[in-house]
Amino acid sequence: MIIEERQSANGEKTYYRFRWGKASSDRISSGIFTWSKPKTQTERNHNKEALAILEIKRSQLIIDQQAVGTDYIPSHRYKNNFLDFYSDFVK
């Protein structure tokens, strides 16, 4: 799985998406962005945390793809309690 980068129109932000094939259906937007040229410490911290979250999402997608066709349910998908699942679903 590859993480693609795309610059915004004005060049201030970089958006990321996941790609695992060549078809357009083989790409998923991550919804995460970083600042191209961070000006403040807050923007630098945002970039570090966004890249860490991006790597976690990438790992979860890889595990999900490897679990297809098996009885294994990844821990980030499994909820012990129906009420916990339903509250996340409602949000």
N, C-alpha and C. Protein backbone atom coordinates (compact mmCIF):
# COMPACT_ATOMS: atom_id res chain seq x y z
N MET A 1 0.85 -1.16 0.00
CA MET A 1 0.00 0.00 0.00
C MET A 1 0.90 1.23 0.00
N ILE A 2 0.54 2.17 -0.85
CA ILE A 2 1.34 3.37 -1.02
C ILE A 2 0.55 4.57 -0.51
N ILE A 3 1.24 5.49 0.11
CA ILE A 3 0.63 6.75 0.53
C ILE A 3 0.99 7.80 -0.50
N GLU A 4 -0.04 8.33 -1.17
CA GLU A 4 0.18 9.37 -2.17
C GLU A 4 -0.02 10.75 -1.55
N GLU A 5 0.73 11.70 -2.04
CA GLU A 5 0.63 13.08 -1.58
C GLU A 5 0.06 13.93 -2.71
N ARG A 6 -0.77 14.91 -2.34
CA ARG A 6 -1.33 15.82 -3.32
C ARG A 6 -1.33 17.22 -2.72
N GLN A 7 -0.77 18.17 -3.46
CA GLN A 7 -0.72 19.56 -3.00
C GLN A 7 -2.06 20.24 -3.23
N SER A 8 -2.42 21.15 -2.35
CA SER A 8 -3.63 21.95 -2.55
C SER A 8 -3.39 22.94 -3.69
N ALA A 9 -4.46 23.58 -4.13
CA ALA A 9 -4.35 24.50 -5.26
C ALA A 9 -3.42 25.67 -4.96
N ASN A 10 -3.45 26.16 -3.72
CA ASN A 10 -2.59 27.28 -3.37
C ASN A 10 -1.22 26.83 -2.83
N GLY A 11 -1.01 25.54 -2.66
CA GLY A 11 0.28 25.01 -2.25
C GLY A 11 0.57 25.10 -0.76
N GLU A 12 -0.42 25.47 0.05
CA GLU A 12 -0.20 25.58 1.48
C GLU A 12 -0.27 24.24 2.21
N LYS A 13 -1.09 23.33 1.72
CA LYS A 13 -1.31 22.06 2.41
C LYS A 13 -1.00 20.90 1.49
N THR A 14 -0.66 19.77 2.12
CA THR A 14 -0.46 18.52 1.41
C THR A 14 -1.49 17.53 1.93
N TYR A 15 -2.29 16.97 1.02
CA TYR A 15 -3.31 15.99 1.37
C TYR A 15 -2.79 14.59 1.04
N TYR A 16 -3.25 13.60 1.79
CA TYR A 16 -2.76 12.24 1.62
C TYR A 16 -3.91 11.29 1.30
N ARG A 17 -3.58 10.26 0.50
CA ARG A 17 -4.54 9.20 0.23
C ARG A 17 -3.77 7.88 0.10
N PHE A 18 -4.50 6.78 0.27
CA PHE A 18 -3.92 5.45 0.21
C PHE A 18 -4.22 4.85 -1.16
N ARG A 19 -3.21 4.19 -1.75
CA ARG A 19 -3.38 3.55 -3.05
C ARG A 19 -2.79 2.15 -2.99
N TRP A 20 -3.56 1.16 -3.47
CA TRP A 20 -3.05 -0.20 -3.50
C TRP A 20 -3.25 -0.84 -4.87
N GLY A 21 -3.64 -0.07 -5.86
CA GLY A 21 -3.79 -0.55 -7.23
C GLY A 21 -3.81 0.61 -8.19
N LYS A 22 -4.06 0.31 -9.47
CA LYS A 22 -4.03 1.37 -10.47
C LYS A 22 -5.41 1.92 -10.79
N ALA A 23 -6.46 1.19 -10.46
CA ALA A 23 -7.82 1.65 -10.76
C ALA A 23 -8.22 2.79 -9.82
N SER A 24 -9.18 3.59 -10.26
CA SER A 24 -9.61 4.71 -9.41
C SER A 24 -10.31 4.21 -8.16
N SER A 25 -10.87 3.01 -8.20
CA SER A 25 -11.52 2.46 -7.01
C SER A 25 -10.51 1.92 -6.00
N ASP A 26 -9.25 1.89 -6.35
CA ASP A 26 -8.20 1.40 -5.47
C ASP A 26 -7.50 2.52 -4.72
N ARG A 27 -8.18 3.65 -4.58
CA ARG A 27 -7.63 4.78 -3.83
C ARG A 27 -8.65 5.24 -2.80
N ILE A 28 -8.16 5.54 -1.61
CA ILE A 28 -9.02 6.03 -0.53
C ILE A 28 -8.40 7.29 0.04
N SER A 29 -9.20 8.32 0.18
CA SER A 29 -8.73 9.54 0.81
C SER A 29 -8.59 9.30 2.31
N SER A 30 -7.50 9.80 2.88
CA SER A 30 -7.28 9.61 4.31
C SER A 30 -7.95 10.70 5.13
N GLY A 31 -8.21 11.85 4.53
CA GLY A 31 -8.78 12.95 5.27
C GLY A 31 -7.77 13.68 6.14
N ILE A 32 -6.50 13.43 5.90
CA ILE A 32 -5.43 14.02 6.70
C ILE A 32 -4.62 14.96 5.82
N PHE A 33 -4.23 16.10 6.40
CA PHE A 33 -3.38 17.04 5.67
C PHE A 33 -2.25 17.49 6.58
N THR A 34 -1.20 17.98 5.95
CA THR A 34 -0.10 18.62 6.67
C THR A 34 0.18 19.96 5.99
N TRP A 35 0.82 20.84 6.71
CA TRP A 35 1.21 22.13 6.16
C TRP A 35 2.49 21.94 5.35
N SER A 36 2.54 22.50 4.14
CA SER A 36 3.73 22.35 3.30
C SER A 36 4.92 23.10 3.87
N LYS A 37 4.68 24.33 4.32
CA LYS A 37 5.74 25.13 4.94
C LYS A 37 5.21 25.65 6.27
N PRO A 38 5.37 24.86 7.34
CA PRO A 38 4.83 25.29 8.63
C PRO A 38 5.53 26.56 9.13
N LYS A 39 4.70 27.49 9.61
CA LYS A 39 5.23 28.78 10.06
C LYS A 39 5.36 28.85 11.57
N THR A 40 4.51 28.13 12.28
CA THR A 40 4.52 28.20 13.74
C THR A 40 4.81 26.81 14.32
N GLN A 41 5.07 26.80 15.61
CA GLN A 41 5.32 25.54 16.30
C GLN A 41 4.06 24.68 16.31
N THR A 42 2.90 25.30 16.38
CA THR A 42 1.65 24.56 16.36
C THR A 42 1.48 23.80 15.04
N GLU A 43 1.81 24.43 13.94
CA GLU A 43 1.72 23.77 12.64
C GLU A 43 2.74 22.63 12.53
N ARG A 44 3.93 22.81 13.09
CA ARG A 44 4.94 21.73 13.07
C ARG A 44 4.45 20.54 13.89
N ASN A 45 3.86 20.82 15.06
CA ASN A 45 3.32 19.74 15.89
C ASN A 45 2.17 19.03 15.18
N HIS A 46 1.34 19.80 14.49
CA HIS A 46 0.24 19.22 13.73
C HIS A 46 0.78 18.26 12.67
N ASN A 47 1.84 18.65 11.97
CA ASN A 47 2.43 17.80 10.95
C ASN A 47 2.94 16.48 11.53
N LYS A 48 3.63 16.54 12.68
CA LYS A 48 4.15 15.32 13.31
C LYS A 48 3.02 14.39 13.71
N GLU A 49 1.97 14.93 14.34
CA GLU A 49 0.86 14.11 14.79
C GLU A 49 0.06 13.57 13.61
N ALA A 50 -0.11 14.37 12.57
CA ALA A 50 -0.85 13.91 11.38
C ALA A 50 -0.13 12.77 10.69
N LEU A 51 1.19 12.83 10.61
CA LEU A 51 1.94 11.74 9.98
C LEU A 51 1.89 10.47 10.82
N ALA A 52 1.87 10.61 12.14
CA ALA A 52 1.74 9.43 13.01
C ALA A 52 0.37 8.78 12.83
N ILE A 53 -0.68 9.59 12.75
CA ILE A 53 -2.04 9.07 12.54
C ILE A 53 -2.14 8.42 11.16
N LEU A 54 -1.49 9.01 10.17
CA LEU A 54 -1.50 8.46 8.82
C LEU A 54 -0.88 7.06 8.80
N GLU A 55 0.20 6.87 9.52
CA GLU A 55 0.85 5.55 9.57
C GLU A 55 -0.03 4.53 10.29
N ILE A 56 -0.73 4.96 11.34
CA ILE A 56 -1.64 4.05 12.05
C ILE A 56 -2.79 3.63 11.14
N LYS A 57 -3.37 4.58 10.40
CA LYS A 57 -4.46 4.24 9.48
C LYS A 57 -3.97 3.29 8.39
N ARG A 58 -2.78 3.51 7.91
CA ARG A 58 -2.20 2.64 6.88
C ARG A 58 -2.06 1.22 7.41
N SER A 59 -1.57 1.09 8.63
CA SER A 59 -1.41 -0.23 9.23
C SER A 59 -2.76 -0.93 9.41
N GLN A 60 -3.77 -0.19 9.84
CA GLN A 60 -5.09 -0.77 10.03
C GLN A 60 -5.69 -1.23 8.70
N LEU A 61 -5.49 -0.48 7.63
CA LEU A 61 -6.00 -0.88 6.32
C LEU A 61 -5.30 -2.14 5.81
N ILE A 62 -4.01 -2.25 6.06
CA ILE A 62 -3.27 -3.45 5.64
C ILE A 62 -3.79 -4.67 6.39
N ILE A 63 -4.02 -4.54 7.69
CA ILE A 63 -4.54 -5.65 8.47
C ILE A 63 -5.94 -6.02 8.00
N ASP A 64 -6.77 -5.04 7.70
CA ASP A 64 -8.12 -5.31 7.18
C ASP A 64 -8.06 -6.09 5.87
N GLN A 65 -7.17 -5.70 4.97
CA GLN A 65 -7.06 -6.38 3.69
C GLN A 65 -6.55 -7.81 3.85
N GLN A 66 -5.65 -8.03 4.80
CA GLN A 66 -5.12 -9.37 5.01
C GLN A 66 -6.12 -10.29 5.70
N ALA A 67 -7.09 -9.71 6.41
CA ALA A 67 -8.07 -10.51 7.13
C ALA A 67 -9.26 -10.92 6.27
N VAL A 68 -9.36 -10.40 5.06
CA VAL A 68 -10.47 -10.76 4.18
C VAL A 68 -10.39 -12.24 3.84
N GLY A 69 -11.52 -12.93 3.98
CA GLY A 69 -11.58 -14.35 3.67
C GLY A 69 -11.21 -15.25 4.83
N THR A 70 -10.93 -14.67 5.98
CA THR A 70 -10.63 -15.46 7.16
C THR A 70 -11.66 -15.16 8.24
N ASP A 71 -11.63 -15.92 9.31
CA ASP A 71 -12.54 -15.68 10.42
C ASP A 71 -11.99 -14.68 11.42
N TYR A 72 -10.82 -14.17 11.16
CA TYR A 72 -10.17 -13.24 12.07
C TYR A 72 -10.79 -11.86 11.95
N ILE A 73 -11.11 -11.26 13.10
CA ILE A 73 -11.61 -9.89 13.15
C ILE A 73 -10.54 -9.04 13.82
N PRO A 74 -9.98 -8.04 13.13
CA PRO A 74 -8.96 -7.19 13.73
C PRO A 74 -9.48 -6.49 14.98
N SER A 75 -8.60 -6.26 15.93
CA SER A 75 -9.01 -5.69 17.21
C SER A 75 -9.58 -4.28 17.07
N HIS A 76 -9.16 -3.52 16.07
CA HIS A 76 -9.70 -2.18 15.91
C HIS A 76 -11.10 -2.20 15.29
N ARG A 77 -11.57 -3.36 14.82
CA ARG A 77 -12.92 -3.51 14.28
C ARG A 77 -13.87 -4.18 15.28
N TYR A 78 -13.32 -4.86 16.24
CA TYR A 78 -14.12 -5.66 17.15
C TYR A 78 -14.52 -4.85 18.38
N LYS A 79 -15.80 -4.90 18.71
CA LYS A 79 -16.32 -4.25 19.92
C LYS A 79 -16.86 -5.34 20.85
N ASN A 80 -16.45 -5.31 22.11
CA ASN A 80 -16.90 -6.31 23.07
C ASN A 80 -18.37 -6.13 23.45
N ASN A 81 -18.83 -4.92 23.43
CA ASN A 81 -20.16 -4.61 23.90
C ASN A 81 -20.97 -3.98 22.77
N PHE A 82 -22.22 -4.41 22.60
CA PHE A 82 -23.06 -3.86 21.55
C PHE A 82 -23.32 -2.37 21.77
N LEU A 83 -23.44 -1.95 23.00
CA LEU A 83 -23.71 -0.54 23.29
C LEU A 83 -22.54 0.34 22.86
N ASP A 84 -21.31 -0.15 23.04
CA ASP A 84 -20.14 0.59 22.56
C ASP A 84 -20.17 0.71 21.04
N PHE A 85 -20.49 -0.40 20.39
CA PHE A 85 -20.58 -0.40 18.93
C PHE A 85 -21.66 0.58 18.46
N TYR A 86 -22.82 0.53 19.10
CA TYR A 86 -23.93 1.38 18.68
C TYR A 86 -23.64 2.86 18.92
N SER A 87 -22.99 3.17 20.02
CA SER A 87 -22.65 4.58 20.28
C SER A 87 -21.66 5.10 19.24
N ASP A 88 -20.69 4.28 18.82
CA ASP A 88 -19.77 4.68 17.76
C ASP A 88 -20.50 4.82 16.43
N PHE A 89 -21.47 3.93 16.19
CA PHE A 89 -22.24 3.98 14.95
C PHE A 89 -23.07 5.24 14.88
N VAL A 90 -23.67 5.65 15.99
CA VAL A 90 -24.50 6.83 16.03
C VAL A 90 -23.68 8.09 15.82
N LYS A 91 -22.47 8.13 16.39
CA LYS A 91 -21.59 9.30 16.22
C LYS A 91 -21.18 9.43 14.78
